[in-house]
Amino acid sequence: MNLSKLLQIGAVTWLALLGSAAIAQQALGPRSGTVEAINQEEGYIIISAERIPYDEGGVSVVYQGRSVRTTFLTPGLIVNYQLNENGTIGQIVLIGPPRILELIDQH
């Protein structure tokens, strides 16, 4: 095999690795959706039809820049969220709807 062919194979491999890294980063990047269900005992939360592993010790819930209890997670909440590298939910930012978030403001 000549040097030109080896360089082509190396370039293709490098591009494939970059593409895989970009896909992985996108999977960990911010997402949005609506909480449909949560089962802390069984370890999952469903956001916009996606069942995501849930570990209460590994998730932070944020509302208006402050940390709030996970007990405020209820179906119907609109959230932004990110996954941890292990695929569990890592951070949930509560963004709506106002009628549900008003309950948090009262506590």
PDB file of N, CA and C in Angstrom:
ATOM      1  N   MET A   1       0.855  -1.163   0.000  1.00  0.00           N
ATOM      2  CA  MET A   1       0.000   0.000   0.000  1.00  0.00           C
ATOM      3  C   MET A   1       0.906   1.233   0.000  1.00  0.00           C
ATOM      4  N   ASN A   2       0.578   2.214  -0.846  1.00  0.00           N
ATOM      5  CA  ASN A   2       1.433   3.391  -0.915  1.00  0.00           C
ATOM      6  C   ASN A   2       1.014   4.438   0.124  1.00  0.00           C
ATOM      7  N   LEU A   3       1.855   5.430   0.307  1.00  0.00           N
ATOM      8  CA  LEU A   3       1.661   6.470   1.315  1.00  0.00           C
ATOM      9  C   LEU A   3       0.374   7.268   1.066  1.00  0.00           C
ATOM     10  N   SER A   4       0.064   7.533  -0.174  1.00  0.00           N
ATOM     11  CA  SER A   4      -1.137   8.290  -0.515  1.00  0.00           C
ATOM     12  C   SER A   4      -2.393   7.555  -0.038  1.00  0.00           C
ATOM     13  N   LYS A   5      -2.417   6.260  -0.251  1.00  0.00           N
ATOM     14  CA  LYS A   5      -3.568   5.450   0.165  1.00  0.00           C
ATOM     15  C   LYS A   5      -3.681   5.419   1.689  1.00  0.00           C
ATOM     16  N   LEU A   6      -2.553   5.291   2.386  1.00  0.00           N
ATOM     17  CA  LEU A   6      -2.566   5.288   3.845  1.00  0.00           C
ATOM     18  C   LEU A   6      -3.065   6.623   4.392  1.00  0.00           C
ATOM     19  N   LEU A   7      -2.652   7.723   3.776  1.00  0.00           N
ATOM     20  CA  LEU A   7      -3.114   9.041   4.209  1.00  0.00           C
ATOM     21  C   LEU A   7      -4.619   9.194   4.000  1.00  0.00           C
ATOM     22  N   GLN A   8      -5.131   8.669   2.901  1.00  0.00           N
ATOM     23  CA  GLN A   8      -6.580   8.732   2.646  1.00  0.00           C
ATOM     24  C   GLN A   8      -7.349   7.950   3.707  1.00  0.00           C
ATOM     25  N   ILE A   9      -6.868   6.759   4.025  1.00  0.00           N
ATOM     26  CA  ILE A   9      -7.526   5.929   5.039  1.00  0.00           C
ATOM     27  C   ILE A   9      -7.477   6.629   6.391  1.00  0.00           C
ATOM     28  N   GLY A  10      -6.325   7.210   6.717  1.00  0.00           N
ATOM     29  CA  GLY A  10      -6.180   7.941   7.977  1.00  0.00           C
ATOM     30  C   GLY A  10      -7.126   9.126   8.049  1.00  0.00           C
ATOM     31  N   ALA A  11      -7.275   9.860   6.952  1.00  0.00           N
ATOM     32  CA  ALA A  11      -8.169  11.018   6.918  1.00  0.00           C
ATOM     33  C   ALA A  11      -9.627  10.586   7.104  1.00  0.00           C
ATOM     34  N   VAL A  12     -10.012   9.510   6.446  1.00  0.00           N
ATOM     35  CA  VAL A  12     -11.381   9.017   6.576  1.00  0.00           C
ATOM     36  C   VAL A  12     -11.644   8.564   8.015  1.00  0.00           C
ATOM     37  N   THR A  13     -10.691   7.872   8.600  1.00  0.00           N
ATOM     38  CA  THR A  13     -10.827   7.421   9.988  1.00  0.00           C
ATOM     39  C   THR A  13     -10.952   8.615  10.919  1.00  0.00           C
ATOM     40  N   TRP A  14     -10.123   9.615  10.737  1.00  0.00           N
ATOM     41  CA  TRP A  14     -10.146  10.824  11.565  1.00  0.00           C
ATOM     42  C   TRP A  14     -11.507  11.519  11.450  1.00  0.00           C
ATOM     43  N   LEU A  15     -12.030  11.652  10.260  1.00  0.00           N
ATOM     44  CA  LEU A  15     -13.331  12.292  10.070  1.00  0.00           C
ATOM     45  C   LEU A  15     -14.446  11.480  10.731  1.00  0.00           C
ATOM     46  N   ALA A  16     -14.352  10.171  10.661  1.00  0.00           N
ATOM     47  CA  ALA A  16     -15.356   9.325  11.312  1.00  0.00           C
ATOM     48  C   ALA A  16     -15.320   9.507  12.824  1.00  0.00           C
ATOM     49  N   LEU A  17     -14.130   9.585  13.390  1.00  0.00           N
ATOM     50  CA  LEU A  17     -13.994   9.810  14.834  1.00  0.00           C
ATOM     51  C   LEU A  17     -14.546  11.167  15.233  1.00  0.00           C
ATOM     52  N   LEU A  18     -14.265  12.197  14.454  1.00  0.00           N
ATOM     53  CA  LEU A  18     -14.798  13.531  14.744  1.00  0.00           C
ATOM     54  C   LEU A  18     -16.321  13.528  14.690  1.00  0.00           C
ATOM     55  N   GLY A  19     -16.869  12.847  13.700  1.00  0.00           N
ATOM     56  CA  GLY A  19     -18.323  12.747  13.584  1.00  0.00           C
ATOM     57  C   GLY A  19     -18.938  12.041  14.775  1.00  0.00           C
ATOM     58  N   SER A  20     -18.313  10.974  15.236  1.00  0.00           N
ATOM     59  CA  SER A  20     -18.808  10.241  16.398  1.00  0.00           C
ATOM     60  C   SER A  20     -18.761  11.107  17.643  1.00  0.00           C
ATOM     61  N   ALA A  21     -17.692  11.863  17.810  1.00  0.00           N
ATOM     62  CA  ALA A  21     -17.568  12.754  18.969  1.00  0.00           C
ATOM     63  C   ALA A  21     -18.639  13.835  18.932  1.00  0.00           C
ATOM     64  N   ALA A  22     -18.919  14.363  17.749  1.00  0.00           N
ATOM     65  CA  ALA A  22     -19.943  15.405  17.625  1.00  0.00           C
ATOM     66  C   ALA A  22     -21.324  14.844  17.957  1.00  0.00           C
ATOM     67  N   ILE A  23     -21.608  13.633  17.523  1.00  0.00           N
ATOM     68  CA  ILE A  23     -22.888  12.999  17.829  1.00  0.00           C
ATOM     69  C   ILE A  23     -23.007  12.751  19.327  1.00  0.00           C
ATOM     70  N   ALA A  24     -21.932  12.264  19.941  1.00  0.00           N
ATOM     71  CA  ALA A  24     -21.945  12.023  21.385  1.00  0.00           C
ATOM     72  C   ALA A  24     -22.149  13.320  22.147  1.00  0.00           C
ATOM     73  N   GLN A  25     -21.485  14.385  21.735  1.00  0.00           N
ATOM     74  CA  GLN A  25     -21.638  15.669  22.409  1.00  0.00           C
ATOM     75  C   GLN A  25     -23.064  16.182  22.254  1.00  0.00           C
ATOM     76  N   GLN A  26     -23.633  16.016  21.078  1.00  0.00           N
ATOM     77  CA  GLN A  26     -25.005  16.447  20.843  1.00  0.00           C
ATOM     78  C   GLN A  26     -25.958  15.671  21.755  1.00  0.00           C
ATOM     79  N   ALA A  27     -25.699  14.400  21.951  1.00  0.00           N
ATOM     80  CA  ALA A  27     -26.546  13.585  22.819  1.00  0.00           C
ATOM     81  C   ALA A  27     -26.496  14.091  24.253  1.00  0.00           C
ATOM     82  N   LEU A  28     -25.356  14.640  24.672  1.00  0.00           N
ATOM     83  CA  LEU A  28     -25.220  15.159  26.028  1.00  0.00           C
ATOM     84  C   LEU A  28     -25.657  16.613  26.122  1.00  0.00           C
ATOM     85  N   GLY A  29     -25.819  17.285  25.003  1.00  0.00           N
ATOM     86  CA  GLY A  29     -26.145  18.700  24.992  1.00  0.00           C
ATOM     87  C   GLY A  29     -27.545  18.988  25.512  1.00  0.00           C
ATOM     88  N   PRO A  30     -27.867  20.276  25.627  1.00  0.00           N
ATOM     89  CA  PRO A  30     -29.170  20.678  26.158  1.00  0.00           C
ATOM     90  C   PRO A  30     -30.330  20.188  25.299  1.00  0.00           C
ATOM     91  N   ARG A  31     -31.397  19.816  25.971  1.00  0.00           N
ATOM     92  CA  ARG A  31     -32.618  19.364  25.317  1.00  0.00           C
ATOM     93  C   ARG A  31     -33.800  20.046  26.004  1.00  0.00           C
ATOM     94  N   SER A  32     -34.942  20.020  25.356  1.00  0.00           N
ATOM     95  CA  SER A  32     -36.160  20.573  25.943  1.00  0.00           C
ATOM     96  C   SER A  32     -37.279  19.561  25.803  1.00  0.00           C
ATOM     97  N   GLY A  33     -38.262  19.651  26.695  1.00  0.00           N
ATOM     98  CA  GLY A  33     -39.405  18.772  26.593  1.00  0.00           C
ATOM     99  C   GLY A  33     -40.366  18.965  27.744  1.00  0.00           C
ATOM    100  N   THR A  34     -41.375  18.116  27.776  1.00  0.00           N
ATOM    101  CA  THR A  34     -42.397  18.154  28.819  1.00  0.00           C
ATOM    102  C   THR A  34     -42.330  16.875  29.635  1.00  0.00           C
ATOM    103  N   VAL A  35     -42.288  17.025  30.954  1.00  0.00           N
ATOM    104  CA  VAL A  35     -42.280  15.865  31.843  1.00  0.00           C
ATOM    105  C   VAL A  35     -43.628  15.173  31.730  1.00  0.00           C
ATOM    106  N   GLU A  36     -43.592  13.892  31.406  1.00  0.00           N
ATOM    107  CA  GLU A  36     -44.818  13.109  31.285  1.00  0.00           C
ATOM    108  C   GLU A  36     -45.024  12.196  32.483  1.00  0.00           C
ATOM    109  N   ALA A  37     -43.927  11.693  33.040  1.00  0.00           N
ATOM    110  CA  ALA A  37     -44.007  10.801  34.197  1.00  0.00           C
ATOM    111  C   ALA A  37     -42.643  10.764  34.870  1.00  0.00           C
ATOM    112  N   ILE A  38     -42.665  10.434  36.149  1.00  0.00           N
ATOM    113  CA  ILE A  38     -41.417  10.244  36.886  1.00  0.00           C
ATOM    114  C   ILE A  38     -41.651   9.137  37.902  1.00  0.00           C
ATOM    115  N   ASN A  39     -40.691   8.235  37.984  1.00  0.00           N
ATOM    116  CA  ASN A  39     -40.756   7.164  38.962  1.00  0.00           C
ATOM    117  C   ASN A  39     -39.381   7.051  39.601  1.00  0.00           C
ATOM    118  N   GLN A  40     -39.238   7.732  40.729  1.00  0.00           N
ATOM    119  CA  GLN A  40     -37.936   7.752  41.391  1.00  0.00           C
ATOM    120  C   GLN A  40     -37.546   6.381  41.921  1.00  0.00           C
ATOM    121  N   GLU A  41     -38.530   5.606  42.385  1.00  0.00           N
ATOM    122  CA  GLU A  41     -38.230   4.276  42.927  1.00  0.00           C
ATOM    123  C   GLU A  41     -37.677   3.344  41.856  1.00  0.00           C
ATOM    124  N   GLU A  42     -38.275   3.400  40.663  1.00  0.00           N
ATOM    125  CA  GLU A  42     -37.819   2.534  39.572  1.00  0.00           C
ATOM    126  C   GLU A  42     -36.698   3.171  38.760  1.00  0.00           C
ATOM    127  N   GLY A  43     -36.403   4.443  39.019  1.00  0.00           N
ATOM    128  CA  GLY A  43     -35.248   5.090  38.411  1.00  0.00           C
ATOM    129  C   GLY A  43     -35.408   5.562  36.980  1.00  0.00           C
ATOM    130  N   TYR A  44     -36.534   6.213  36.674  1.00  0.00           N
ATOM    131  CA  TYR A  44     -36.674   6.785  35.337  1.00  0.00           C
ATOM    132  C   TYR A  44     -37.576   8.010  35.360  1.00  0.00           C
ATOM    133  N   ILE A  45     -37.416   8.836  34.338  1.00  0.00           N
ATOM    134  CA  ILE A  45     -38.281   9.975  34.088  1.00  0.00           C
ATOM    135  C   ILE A  45     -38.602   9.942  32.592  1.00  0.00           C
ATOM    136  N   ILE A  46     -39.826  10.284  32.249  1.00  0.00           N
ATOM    137  CA  ILE A  46     -40.205  10.340  30.840  1.00  0.00           C
ATOM    138  C   ILE A  46     -40.408  11.805  30.470  1.00  0.00           C
ATOM    139  N   ILE A  47     -39.628  12.256  29.499  1.00  0.00           N
ATOM    140  CA  ILE A  47     -39.731  13.619  28.999  1.00  0.00           C
ATOM    141  C   ILE A  47     -39.980  13.532  27.499  1.00  0.00           C
ATOM    142  N   SER A  48     -41.125  14.075  27.088  1.00  0.00           N
ATOM    143  CA  SER A  48     -41.525  14.068  25.669  1.00  0.00           C
ATOM    144  C   SER A  48     -41.332  12.688  25.032  1.00  0.00           C
ATOM    145  N   ALA A  49     -41.910  11.693  25.665  1.00  0.00           N
ATOM    146  CA  ALA A  49     -41.936  10.303  25.195  1.00  0.00           C
ATOM    147  C   ALA A  49     -40.582   9.590  25.260  1.00  0.00           C
ATOM    148  N   GLU A  50     -39.568  10.213  25.835  1.00  0.00           N
ATOM    149  CA  GLU A  50     -38.265   9.560  25.977  1.00  0.00           C
ATOM    150  C   GLU A  50     -38.070   9.137  27.430  1.00  0.00           C
ATOM    151  N   ARG A  51     -37.883   7.848  27.640  1.00  0.00           N
ATOM    152  CA  ARG A  51     -37.636   7.314  28.985  1.00  0.00           C
ATOM    153  C   ARG A  51     -36.144   7.458  29.280  1.00  0.00           C
ATOM    154  N   ILE A  52     -35.824   8.195  30.332  1.00  0.00           N
ATOM    155  CA  ILE A  52     -34.439   8.513  30.659  1.00  0.00           C
ATOM    156  C   ILE A  52     -34.125   7.959  32.048  1.00  0.00           C
ATOM    157  N   PRO A  53     -33.009   7.251  32.196  1.00  0.00           N
ATOM    158  CA  PRO A  53     -32.632   6.773  33.530  1.00  0.00           C
ATOM    159  C   PRO A  53     -32.496   7.945  34.504  1.00  0.00           C
ATOM    160  N   TYR A  54     -32.974   7.728  35.721  1.00  0.00           N
ATOM    161  CA  TYR A  54     -33.036   8.785  36.735  1.00  0.00           C
ATOM    162  C   TYR A  54     -32.413   8.279  38.020  1.00  0.00           C
ATOM    163  N   ASP A  55     -31.434   9.022  38.531  1.00  0.00           N
ATOM    164  CA  ASP A  55     -30.802   8.726  39.808  1.00  0.00           C
ATOM    165  C   ASP A  55     -30.892  10.000  40.635  1.00  0.00           C
ATOM    166  N   GLU A  56     -31.744   9.997  41.659  1.00  0.00           N
ATOM    167  CA  GLU A  56     -32.002  11.218  42.419  1.00  0.00           C
ATOM    168  C   GLU A  56     -30.721  11.872  42.925  1.00  0.00           C
ATOM    169  N   GLY A  57     -29.729  11.069  43.283  1.00  0.00           N
ATOM    170  CA  GLY A  57     -28.468  11.618  43.766  1.00  0.00           C
ATOM    171  C   GLY A  57     -27.626  12.258  42.676  1.00  0.00           C
ATOM    172  N   GLY A  58     -27.937  11.989  41.415  1.00  0.00           N
ATOM    173  CA  GLY A  58     -27.132  12.505  40.316  1.00  0.00           C
ATOM    174  C   GLY A  58     -27.809  13.578  39.491  1.00  0.00           C
ATOM    175  N   VAL A  59     -28.942  14.110  39.992  1.00  0.00           N
ATOM    176  CA  VAL A  59     -29.663  15.124  39.232  1.00  0.00           C
ATOM    177  C   VAL A  59     -29.810  16.397  40.061  1.00  0.00           C
ATOM    178  N   SER A  60     -29.694  17.535  39.387  1.00  0.00           N
ATOM    179  CA  SER A  60     -29.993  18.800  40.050  1.00  0.00           C
ATOM    180  C   SER A  60     -31.172  19.437  39.331  1.00  0.00           C
ATOM    181  N   VAL A  61     -32.080  20.005  40.117  1.00  0.00           N
ATOM    182  CA  VAL A  61     -33.265  20.672  39.581  1.00  0.00           C
ATOM    183  C   VAL A  61     -33.116  22.152  39.890  1.00  0.00           C
ATOM    184  N   VAL A  62     -33.268  22.968  38.855  1.00  0.00           N
ATOM    185  CA  VAL A  62     -33.036  24.405  38.984  1.00  0.00           C
ATOM    186  C   VAL A  62     -34.272  25.166  38.523  1.00  0.00           C
ATOM    187  N   TYR A  63     -34.640  26.190  39.308  1.00  0.00           N
ATOM    188  CA  TYR A  63     -35.738  27.084  38.940  1.00  0.00           C
ATOM    189  C   TYR A  63     -35.305  28.504  39.267  1.00  0.00           C
ATOM    190  N   GLN A  64     -35.350  29.369  38.290  1.00  0.00           N
ATOM    191  CA  GLN A  64     -34.938  30.766  38.416  1.00  0.00           C
ATOM    192  C   GLN A  64     -33.547  30.894  39.037  1.00  0.00           C
ATOM    193  N   GLY A  65     -32.641  30.026  38.590  1.00  0.00           N
ATOM    194  CA  GLY A  65     -31.254  30.100  39.025  1.00  0.00           C
ATOM    195  C   GLY A  65     -30.958  29.517  40.393  1.00  0.00           C
ATOM    196  N   ARG A  66     -31.959  28.976  41.058  1.00  0.00           N
ATOM    197  CA  ARG A  66     -31.717  28.380  42.377  1.00  0.00           C
ATOM    198  C   ARG A  66     -32.096  26.902  42.359  1.00  0.00           C
ATOM    199  N   SER A  67     -31.418  26.165  43.196  1.00  0.00           N
ATOM    200  CA  SER A  67     -31.663  24.733  43.301  1.00  0.00           C
ATOM    201  C   SER A  67     -32.966  24.491  44.060  1.00  0.00           C
ATOM    202  N   VAL A  68     -33.791  23.580  43.553  1.00  0.00           N
ATOM    203  CA  VAL A  68     -35.040  23.220  44.226  1.00  0.00           C
ATOM    204  C   VAL A  68     -35.103  21.706  44.395  1.00  0.00           C
ATOM    205  N   ARG A  69     -35.995  21.269  45.257  1.00  0.00           N
ATOM    206  CA  ARG A  69     -36.133  19.836  45.547  1.00  0.00           C
ATOM    207  C   ARG A  69     -36.684  19.074  44.337  1.00  0.00           C
ATOM    208  N   THR A  70     -36.280  17.838  44.228  1.00  0.00           N
ATOM    209  CA  THR A  70     -36.771  16.991  43.139  1.00  0.00           C
ATOM    210  C   THR A  70     -38.261  16.695  43.298  1.00  0.00           C
ATOM    211  N   THR A  71     -38.812  16.909  44.480  1.00  0.00           N
ATOM    212  CA  THR A  71     -40.237  16.660  44.694  1.00  0.00           C
ATOM    213  C   THR A  71     -41.107  17.613  43.878  1.00  0.00           C
ATOM    214  N   PHE A  72     -40.534  18.699  43.365  1.00  0.00           N
ATOM    215  CA  PHE A  72     -41.284  19.625  42.526  1.00  0.00           C
ATOM    216  C   PHE A  72     -41.454  19.110  41.095  1.00  0.00           C
ATOM    217  N   LEU A  73     -40.782  18.022  40.746  1.00  0.00           N
ATOM    218  CA  LEU A  73     -40.936  17.459  39.403  1.00  0.00           C
ATOM    219  C   LEU A  73     -42.295  16.787  39.284  1.00  0.00           C
ATOM    220  N   THR A  74     -43.121  17.316  38.408  1.00  0.00           N
ATOM    221  CA  THR A  74     -44.457  16.765  38.207  1.00  0.00           C
ATOM    222  C   THR A  74     -44.771  16.717  36.718  1.00  0.00           C
ATOM    223  N   PRO A  75     -45.647  15.817  36.325  1.00  0.00           N
ATOM    224  CA  PRO A  75     -46.067  15.789  34.923  1.00  0.00           C
ATOM    225  C   PRO A  75     -46.646  17.152  34.508  1.00  0.00           C
ATOM    226  N   GLY A  76     -46.326  17.533  33.285  1.00  0.00           N
ATOM    227  CA  GLY A  76     -46.803  18.802  32.753  1.00  0.00           C
ATOM    228  C   GLY A  76     -45.760  19.904  32.761  1.00  0.00           C
ATOM    229  N   LEU A  77     -44.681  19.721  33.532  1.00  0.00           N
ATOM    230  CA  LEU A  77     -43.620  20.738  33.555  1.00  0.00           C
ATOM    231  C   LEU A  77     -42.883  20.778  32.219  1.00  0.00           C
ATOM    232  N   ILE A  78     -42.608  21.965  31.768  1.00  0.00           N
ATOM    233  CA  ILE A  78     -41.772  22.153  30.585  1.00  0.00           C
ATOM    234  C   ILE A  78     -40.368  22.417  31.099  1.00  0.00           C
ATOM    235  N   VAL A  79     -39.406  21.688  30.560  1.00  0.00           N
ATOM    236  CA  VAL A  79     -38.052  21.737  31.100  1.00  0.00           C
ATOM    237  C   VAL A  79     -37.001  21.799  29.998  1.00  0.00           C
ATOM    238  N   ASN A  80     -35.850  22.318  30.369  1.00  0.00           N
ATOM    239  CA  ASN A  80     -34.616  22.114  29.627  1.00  0.00           C
ATOM    240  C   ASN A  80     -33.831  21.113  30.457  1.00  0.00           C
ATOM    241  N   TYR A  81     -33.117  20.209  29.808  1.00  0.00           N
ATOM    242  CA  TYR A  81     -32.373  19.222  30.580  1.00  0.00           C
ATOM    243  C   TYR A  81     -31.124  18.780  29.848  1.00  0.00           C
ATOM    244  N   GLN A  82     -30.214  18.219  30.635  1.00  0.00           N
ATOM    245  CA  GLN A  82     -28.977  17.651  30.089  1.00  0.00           C
ATOM    246  C   GLN A  82     -28.748  16.297  30.715  1.00  0.00           C
ATOM    247  N   LEU A  83     -28.118  15.431  29.936  1.00  0.00           N
ATOM    248  CA  LEU A  83     -27.776  14.099  30.422  1.00  0.00           C
ATOM    249  C   LEU A  83     -26.354  14.082  30.954  1.00  0.00           C
ATOM    250  N   ASN A  84     -26.111  13.209  31.919  1.00  0.00           N
ATOM    251  CA  ASN A  84     -24.756  12.925  32.361  1.00  0.00           C
ATOM    252  C   ASN A  84     -24.092  12.034  31.312  1.00  0.00           C
ATOM    253  N   GLU A  85     -22.797  11.888  31.404  1.00  0.00           N
ATOM    254  CA  GLU A  85     -22.074  11.043  30.450  1.00  0.00           C
ATOM    255  C   GLU A  85     -22.538   9.595  30.487  1.00  0.00           C
ATOM    256  N   ASN A  86     -23.068   9.153  31.638  1.00  0.00           N
ATOM    257  CA  ASN A  86     -23.537   7.763  31.736  1.00  0.00           C
ATOM    258  C   ASN A  86     -24.967   7.581  31.230  1.00  0.00           C
ATOM    259  N   GLY A  87     -25.576   8.667  30.700  1.00  0.00           N
ATOM    260  CA  GLY A  87     -26.911   8.573  30.107  1.00  0.00           C
ATOM    261  C   GLY A  87     -28.050   8.875  31.057  1.00  0.00           C
ATOM    262  N   THR A  88     -27.748   9.043  32.356  1.00  0.00           N
ATOM    263  CA  THR A  88     -28.804   9.437  33.289  1.00  0.00           C
ATOM    264  C   THR A  88     -29.038  10.931  33.176  1.00  0.00           C
ATOM    265  N   ILE A  89     -30.192  11.374  33.647  1.00  0.00           N
ATOM    266  CA  ILE A  89     -30.492  12.797  33.592  1.00  0.00           C
ATOM    267  C   ILE A  89     -29.636  13.513  34.633  1.00  0.00           C
ATOM    268  N   GLY A  90     -28.991  14.615  34.236  1.00  0.00           N
ATOM    269  CA  GLY A  90     -28.058  15.305  35.123  1.00  0.00           C
ATOM    270  C   GLY A  90     -28.589  16.604  35.678  1.00  0.00           C
ATOM    271  N   GLN A  91     -29.173  17.427  34.822  1.00  0.00           N
ATOM    272  CA  GLN A  91     -29.715  18.701  35.269  1.00  0.00           C
ATOM    273  C   GLN A  91     -31.053  18.948  34.589  1.00  0.00           C
ATOM    274  N   ILE A  92     -31.990  19.461  35.375  1.00  0.00           N
ATOM    275  CA  ILE A  92     -33.300  19.826  34.863  1.00  0.00           C
ATOM    276  C   ILE A  92     -33.551  21.274  35.247  1.00  0.00           C
ATOM    277  N   VAL A  93     -33.829  22.105  34.245  1.00  0.00           N
ATOM    278  CA  VAL A  93     -34.158  23.507  34.489  1.00  0.00           C
ATOM    279  C   VAL A  93     -35.641  23.681  34.193  1.00  0.00           C
ATOM    280  N   LEU A  94     -36.385  24.112  35.199  1.00  0.00           N
ATOM    281  CA  LEU A  94     -37.827  24.273  35.067  1.00  0.00           C
ATOM    282  C   LEU A  94     -38.124  25.595  34.363  1.00  0.00           C
ATOM    283  N   ILE A  95     -38.932  25.542  33.272  1.00  0.00           N
ATOM    284  CA  ILE A  95     -39.202  26.766  32.516  1.00  0.00           C
ATOM    285  C   ILE A  95     -40.691  27.049  32.324  1.00  0.00           C
ATOM    286  N   GLY A  96     -41.580  26.138  32.669  1.00  0.00           N
ATOM    287  CA  GLY A  96     -43.003  26.417  32.510  1.00  0.00           C
ATOM    288  C   GLY A  96     -43.819  25.197  32.868  1.00  0.00           C
ATOM    289  N   PRO A  97     -45.107  25.302  32.758  1.00  0.00           N
ATOM    290  CA  PRO A  97     -45.924  26.487  32.555  1.00  0.00           C
ATOM    291  C   PRO A  97     -46.087  27.267  33.858  1.00  0.00           C
ATOM    292  N   PRO A  98     -46.433  28.545  33.760  1.00  0.00           N
ATOM    293  CA  PRO A  98     -46.529  29.398  34.950  1.00  0.00           C
ATOM    294  C   PRO A  98     -47.462  28.859  36.030  1.00  0.00           C
ATOM    295  N   ARG A  99     -48.570  28.221  35.646  1.00  0.00           N
ATOM    296  CA  ARG A  99     -49.526  27.739  36.652  1.00  0.00           C
ATOM    297  C   ARG A  99     -48.912  26.675  37.567  1.00  0.00           C
ATOM    298  N   ILE A 100     -47.989  25.887  37.038  1.00  0.00           N
ATOM    299  CA  ILE A 100     -47.315  24.876  37.883  1.00  0.00           C
ATOM    300  C   ILE A 100     -46.165  25.525  38.648  1.00  0.00           C
ATOM    301  N   LEU A 101     -45.431  26.403  38.006  1.00  0.00           N
ATOM    302  CA  LEU A 101     -44.292  27.043  38.664  1.00  0.00           C
ATOM    303  C   LEU A 101     -44.710  27.958  39.805  1.00  0.00           C
ATOM    304  N   GLU A 102     -45.933  28.465  39.782  1.00  0.00           N
ATOM    305  CA  GLU A 102     -46.427  29.300  40.885  1.00  0.00           C
ATOM    306  C   GLU A 102     -46.403  28.533  42.195  1.00  0.00           C
ATOM    307  N   LEU A 103     -46.622  27.229  42.146  1.00  0.00           N
ATOM    308  CA  LEU A 103     -46.592  26.404  43.356  1.00  0.00           C
ATOM    309  C   LEU A 103     -45.198  26.417  43.983  1.00  0.00           C
ATOM    310  N   ILE A 104     -44.174  26.441  43.153  1.00  0.00           N
ATOM    311  CA  ILE A 104     -42.797  26.491  43.655  1.00  0.00           C
ATOM    312  C   ILE A 104     -42.546  27.843  44.309  1.00  0.00           C
ATOM    313  N   ASP A 105     -43.037  28.912  43.677  1.00  0.00           N
ATOM    314  CA  ASP A 105     -42.860  30.254  44.222  1.00  0.00           C
ATOM    315  C   ASP A 105     -43.486  30.384  45.609  1.00  0.00           C
ATOM    316  N   GLN A 106     -44.528  29.621  45.877  1.00  0.00           N
ATOM    317  CA  GLN A 106     -45.208  29.704  47.168  1.00  0.00           C
ATOM    318  C   GLN A 106     -44.454  29.007  48.284  1.00  0.00           C
ATOM    319  N   HIS A 107     -43.436  28.230  47.955  1.00  0.00           N
ATOM    320  CA  HIS A 107     -42.662  27.500  48.981  1.00  0.00           C
ATOM    321  C   HIS A 107     -41.381  28.182  49.304  1.00  0.00           C
TER     322      HIS A 107
END
